[in-house]
Amino acid sequence: MKVKVKGSHVVLSSVLLFAGFLIAFSYQLTSDNSYPQAAGDSQWKVEDDLRNNILMQQSVNRNLTEELRLIQAEMSRVEEEVANHERRYFNLVEDMDKLRMLTGAVAVIGEGIEITLDDAEFIPDDQHANNFIVHEQHVQKVIDELLVTGAEAIAVNGHRINQNSYIQCIGPVIEIDGNRSFAPFTITAIGESEQLNLAVNLSGGVVDQLVQDNVEVRVEKKNDVLLDPFYEEGDMS
């Protein structure tokens, strides 16, 4: 049986074919356009995550920097406190050393000066011999001048002088802390030798006064002076 194809069928077929083509093309176009959009969304999410990570890391860094600043400030405070303790300790030790030297508790060595006082060799017949010998006030005058000038330690005939020392005259003999000494009296002091020498030799000073009292005086600067500690009477027995 033959089927007769009418013109309307051909037209309808053409329309349907064209419509199918349009539908397929539209689907393809939609598919092609949706991929770039999805790719763009994914890229934006990656960038946003990176940005958030960077902001978080910057916040962490700021916190760590502040903690480091606080730690450094605390370290500086502790170091300053330790330095102050060390300075106070050093000053305390220095003061204790000076006190030991002044009290004669320790031996002392250093530069200094040696002053020797001796009785006059010539005594006029019309003068009393007592006016030509060394008395306790002469020795005390020299000691006082040396202390004022900055002597760190003093000894008389090897006997160390301290803050409780006493000197008294018993005829031609001078007693120092109960120890008897005879002329000549050697007064040794540790300190700046030039300064001590200038002080005792000032015009009208100690040396001139002693000479006027008929005391023979010799002054000598020393580079190395050793003074033993103070010994009370009976310590050496």
Protein backbone atom coordinates (compact mmCIF):
# COMPACT_ATOMS: atom_id res chain seq x y z
CA MET A 1 0.00 0.00 0.00
CA LYS A 2 1.40 3.30 -0.98
CA VAL A 3 1.29 6.21 1.46
CA LYS A 4 0.88 9.52 -0.02
CA VAL A 5 2.94 12.16 1.58
CA LYS A 6 1.13 15.34 1.76
CA GLY A 7 2.74 18.74 1.68
CA SER A 8 1.49 19.51 5.14
CA HIS A 9 3.43 16.51 6.50
CA VAL A 10 6.62 17.77 4.96
CA VAL A 11 6.13 21.17 6.44
CA LEU A 12 5.31 19.70 9.85
CA SER A 13 8.36 17.47 9.70
CA SER A 14 10.54 20.41 8.81
CA VAL A 15 9.15 22.46 11.66
CA LEU A 16 9.66 19.64 14.14
CA LEU A 17 13.20 19.06 12.89
CA PHE A 18 14.01 22.74 13.16
CA ALA A 19 12.47 22.91 16.62
CA GLY A 20 14.55 19.95 17.74
CA PHE A 21 17.65 21.61 16.38
CA LEU A 22 16.87 24.77 18.30
CA ILE A 23 16.24 22.83 21.51
CA ALA A 24 19.52 20.93 21.12
CA PHE A 25 21.47 24.10 20.35
CA SER A 26 19.90 25.91 23.28
CA TYR A 27 20.80 23.04 25.63
CA GLN A 28 24.36 22.97 24.34
CA LEU A 29 24.68 26.73 24.74
CA THR A 30 23.31 26.57 28.26
CA SER A 31 25.74 23.80 29.14
CA ASP A 32 28.70 25.73 27.72
CA ASN A 33 27.73 28.89 29.65
CA SER A 34 27.24 27.09 32.97
CA TYR A 35 30.88 25.79 33.11
CA PRO A 36 32.59 29.20 33.18
CA GLN A 37 30.15 30.27 35.92
CA ALA A 38 30.97 27.22 38.00
CA ALA A 39 34.71 27.73 37.43
CA GLY A 40 34.38 31.39 38.43
CA ASP A 41 32.54 30.49 41.61
CA SER A 42 35.22 27.97 42.55
CA GLN A 43 38.06 30.48 41.94
CA TRP A 44 36.32 33.12 44.05
CA LYS A 45 35.93 30.65 46.92
CA VAL A 46 39.65 29.78 46.79
CA GLU A 47 40.62 33.47 46.85
CA ASP A 48 38.22 34.17 49.70
CA ASP A 49 39.67 31.31 51.73
CA LEU A 50 43.19 32.58 51.09
CA ARG A 51 42.19 36.09 52.12
CA ASN A 52 40.63 34.80 55.34
CA ASN A 53 43.76 32.75 56.08
CA ILE A 54 45.98 35.78 55.55
CA LEU A 55 43.83 37.92 57.85
CA MET A 56 43.88 35.19 60.49
CA GLN A 57 47.68 34.84 60.22
CA GLN A 58 48.11 38.62 60.50
CA SER A 59 46.00 38.59 63.66
CA VAL A 60 48.13 35.76 65.10
CA ASN A 61 51.31 37.65 64.21
CA ARG A 62 50.04 40.79 65.95
CA ASN A 63 49.26 38.79 69.07
CA LEU A 64 52.68 37.13 69.02
CA THR A 65 54.38 40.50 68.47
CA GLU A 66 52.58 41.94 71.49
CA GLU A 67 53.53 38.92 73.60
CA LEU A 68 57.15 39.30 72.49
CA ARG A 69 57.10 43.00 73.40
CA LEU A 70 55.75 42.18 76.86
CA ILE A 71 58.38 39.47 77.36
CA GLN A 72 61.19 41.82 76.27
CA ALA A 73 59.89 44.51 78.63
CA GLU A 74 59.84 42.00 81.50
CA MET A 75 63.35 40.84 80.62
CA SER A 76 64.58 44.45 80.63
CA ARG A 77 62.97 45.00 84.03
CA VAL A 78 64.57 41.83 85.45
CA GLU A 79 67.98 42.74 83.97
CA GLU A 80 67.77 46.22 85.48
CA GLU A 81 66.78 44.75 88.84
CA VAL A 82 69.69 42.31 88.72
CA ALA A 83 72.05 45.15 87.76
CA ASN A 84 70.79 47.21 90.71
CA HIS A 85 71.33 44.25 93.05
CA GLU A 86 74.84 43.81 91.68
CA ARG A 87 75.59 47.52 92.16
CA ARG A 88 74.26 47.43 95.70
CA TYR A 89 76.24 44.26 96.42
CA PHE A 90 79.40 45.79 94.92
CA ASN A 91 78.94 48.97 96.97
CA LEU A 92 78.31 46.91 100.10
CA VAL A 93 81.44 44.85 99.53
CA GLU A 94 83.43 48.01 98.84
CA ASP A 95 82.12 49.63 102.03
CA MET A 96 82.91 46.49 104.02
CA ASP A 97 86.45 46.42 102.63
CA LYS A 98 86.94 50.09 103.57
CA LEU A 99 85.56 49.42 107.02
CA ARG A 100 87.88 46.44 107.50
CA MET A 101 90.83 48.58 106.44
CA LEU A 102 89.86 51.41 108.79
CA THR A 103 89.33 49.06 111.71
CA GLY A 104 92.58 47.26 110.96
CA ALA A 105 90.85 43.90 110.58
CA VAL A 106 92.73 42.95 107.40
CA ALA A 107 96.20 43.40 106.02
CA VAL A 108 96.53 46.19 103.45
CA ILE A 109 99.05 46.71 100.69
CA GLY A 110 99.51 49.63 98.33
CA GLU A 111 101.31 52.88 97.70
CA GLY A 112 101.65 55.34 100.53
CA ILE A 113 103.94 57.44 102.66
CA GLU A 114 106.35 56.95 105.55
CA ILE A 115 106.95 59.71 108.11
CA THR A 116 109.67 59.27 110.71
CA LEU A 117 109.70 61.38 113.89
CA ASP A 118 112.84 61.41 115.99
CA ASP A 119 114.16 63.22 119.04
CA ALA A 120 116.49 66.12 118.39
CA GLU A 121 120.17 65.18 118.24
CA PHE A 122 121.34 68.40 119.85
CA ILE A 123 119.95 69.71 123.11
CA PRO A 124 121.27 73.10 124.30
CA ASP A 125 122.63 73.13 127.83
CA ASP A 126 120.17 75.79 128.90
CA GLN A 127 117.12 73.90 127.58
CA HIS A 128 115.09 71.11 129.10
CA ALA A 129 115.45 67.78 127.30
CA ASN A 130 111.71 67.29 127.41
CA ASN A 131 111.39 70.05 124.81
CA PHE A 132 113.47 68.09 122.29
CA ILE A 133 111.79 64.72 122.27
CA VAL A 134 108.78 63.32 120.44
CA HIS A 135 105.57 63.39 122.45
CA GLU A 136 102.23 61.67 121.91
CA GLN A 137 100.65 64.85 120.56
CA HIS A 138 103.22 64.94 117.76
CA VAL A 139 102.38 61.41 116.67
CA GLN A 140 98.65 62.09 117.02
CA LYS A 141 98.93 65.26 114.94
CA VAL A 142 100.49 63.34 112.06
CA ILE A 143 97.87 60.56 112.27
CA ASP A 144 95.02 63.09 112.26
CA GLU A 145 96.43 64.87 109.21
CA LEU A 146 96.84 61.60 107.32
CA LEU A 147 93.28 60.51 108.10
CA VAL A 148 91.85 63.84 106.98
CA THR A 149 93.84 63.62 103.76
CA GLY A 150 92.40 60.20 102.91
CA ALA A 151 94.79 57.60 104.30
CA GLU A 152 93.21 54.15 104.12
CA ALA A 153 95.34 52.53 106.81
CA ILE A 154 97.96 53.72 109.32
CA ALA A 155 100.52 52.05 111.55
CA VAL A 156 103.03 53.40 114.08
CA ASN A 157 106.21 51.40 114.42
CA GLY A 158 104.38 48.51 112.78
CA HIS A 159 101.40 48.68 115.16
CA ARG A 160 98.17 49.11 113.22
CA ILE A 161 95.96 52.00 114.26
CA ASN A 162 92.18 51.58 114.39
CA GLN A 163 89.21 53.68 115.48
CA ASN A 164 89.68 52.69 119.13
CA SER A 165 93.44 53.23 119.30
CA TYR A 166 94.87 55.47 122.01
CA ILE A 167 98.30 57.06 122.37
CA GLN A 168 99.80 58.24 125.62
CA CYS A 169 103.20 59.43 126.73
CA ILE A 170 105.10 57.82 129.60
CA GLY A 171 108.29 59.81 130.00
CA PRO A 172 110.49 59.23 126.92
CA VAL A 173 108.26 56.32 125.89
CA ILE A 174 105.01 56.44 123.92
CA GLU A 175 102.42 53.77 124.58
CA ILE A 176 100.10 52.86 121.69
CA ASP A 177 97.17 50.62 122.63
CA GLY A 178 99.20 49.33 125.55
CA ASN A 179 102.28 48.63 123.40
CA ARG A 180 105.36 50.69 124.28
CA SER A 181 107.38 52.26 121.49
CA PHE A 182 110.60 54.23 121.49
CA ALA A 183 111.89 56.91 119.15
CA PRO A 184 112.27 57.06 116.27
CA PHE A 185 108.56 56.68 115.52
CA THR A 186 107.79 55.57 112.00
CA ILE A 187 104.26 56.43 110.93
CA THR A 188 103.27 54.50 107.81
CA ALA A 189 100.13 55.24 105.83
CA ILE A 190 98.57 53.73 102.72
CA GLY A 191 96.88 56.06 100.26
CA GLU A 192 97.69 58.28 97.31
CA SER A 193 101.33 58.98 98.06
CA GLU A 194 101.52 62.28 96.20
CA GLN A 195 98.41 63.63 97.89
CA LEU A 196 99.55 62.55 101.35
CA ASN A 197 103.02 64.00 100.77
CA LEU A 198 101.65 67.38 99.65
CA ALA A 199 99.29 67.53 102.63
CA VAL A 200 101.92 67.04 105.34
CA ASN A 201 104.44 69.32 103.61
CA LEU A 202 102.14 72.32 103.16
CA SER A 203 103.63 75.60 104.28
CA GLY A 204 102.72 75.98 107.94
CA GLY A 205 101.45 72.44 108.00
CA VAL A 206 102.27 69.41 110.09
CA VAL A 207 105.95 69.11 109.18
CA ASP A 208 106.63 72.80 109.83
CA GLN A 209 104.85 72.58 113.20
CA LEU A 210 106.89 69.53 114.21
CA VAL A 211 110.15 71.21 113.21
CA GLN A 212 109.19 74.21 115.36
CA ASP A 213 108.75 71.77 118.26
CA ASN A 214 112.34 70.57 117.74
CA VAL A 215 111.24 67.23 116.26
CA GLU A 216 113.33 65.81 113.44
CA VAL A 217 111.07 64.80 110.55
CA ARG A 218 111.71 62.69 107.46
CA VAL A 219 109.04 62.11 104.82
CA GLU A 220 109.33 59.50 102.10
CA LYS A 221 106.86 58.34 99.46
CA LYS A 222 106.55 54.57 99.04
CA ASN A 223 105.37 52.51 96.08
CA ASP A 224 104.66 49.34 98.06
CA VAL A 225 103.55 49.46 101.67
CA LEU A 226 102.30 46.44 103.61
CA LEU A 227 100.45 46.94 106.87
CA ASP A 228 99.56 43.93 109.01
CA PRO A 229 96.16 43.63 110.69
CA PHE A 230 95.51 45.15 114.10
CA TYR A 231 96.48 42.93 117.02
CA GLU A 232 95.24 43.60 120.50
CA GLU A 233 97.63 43.17 123.40
CA GLY A 234 98.06 39.48 124.05
CA ASP A 235 96.92 38.36 120.56
CA MET A 236 100.44 37.30 119.61
CA SER A 237 100.94 35.11 122.64
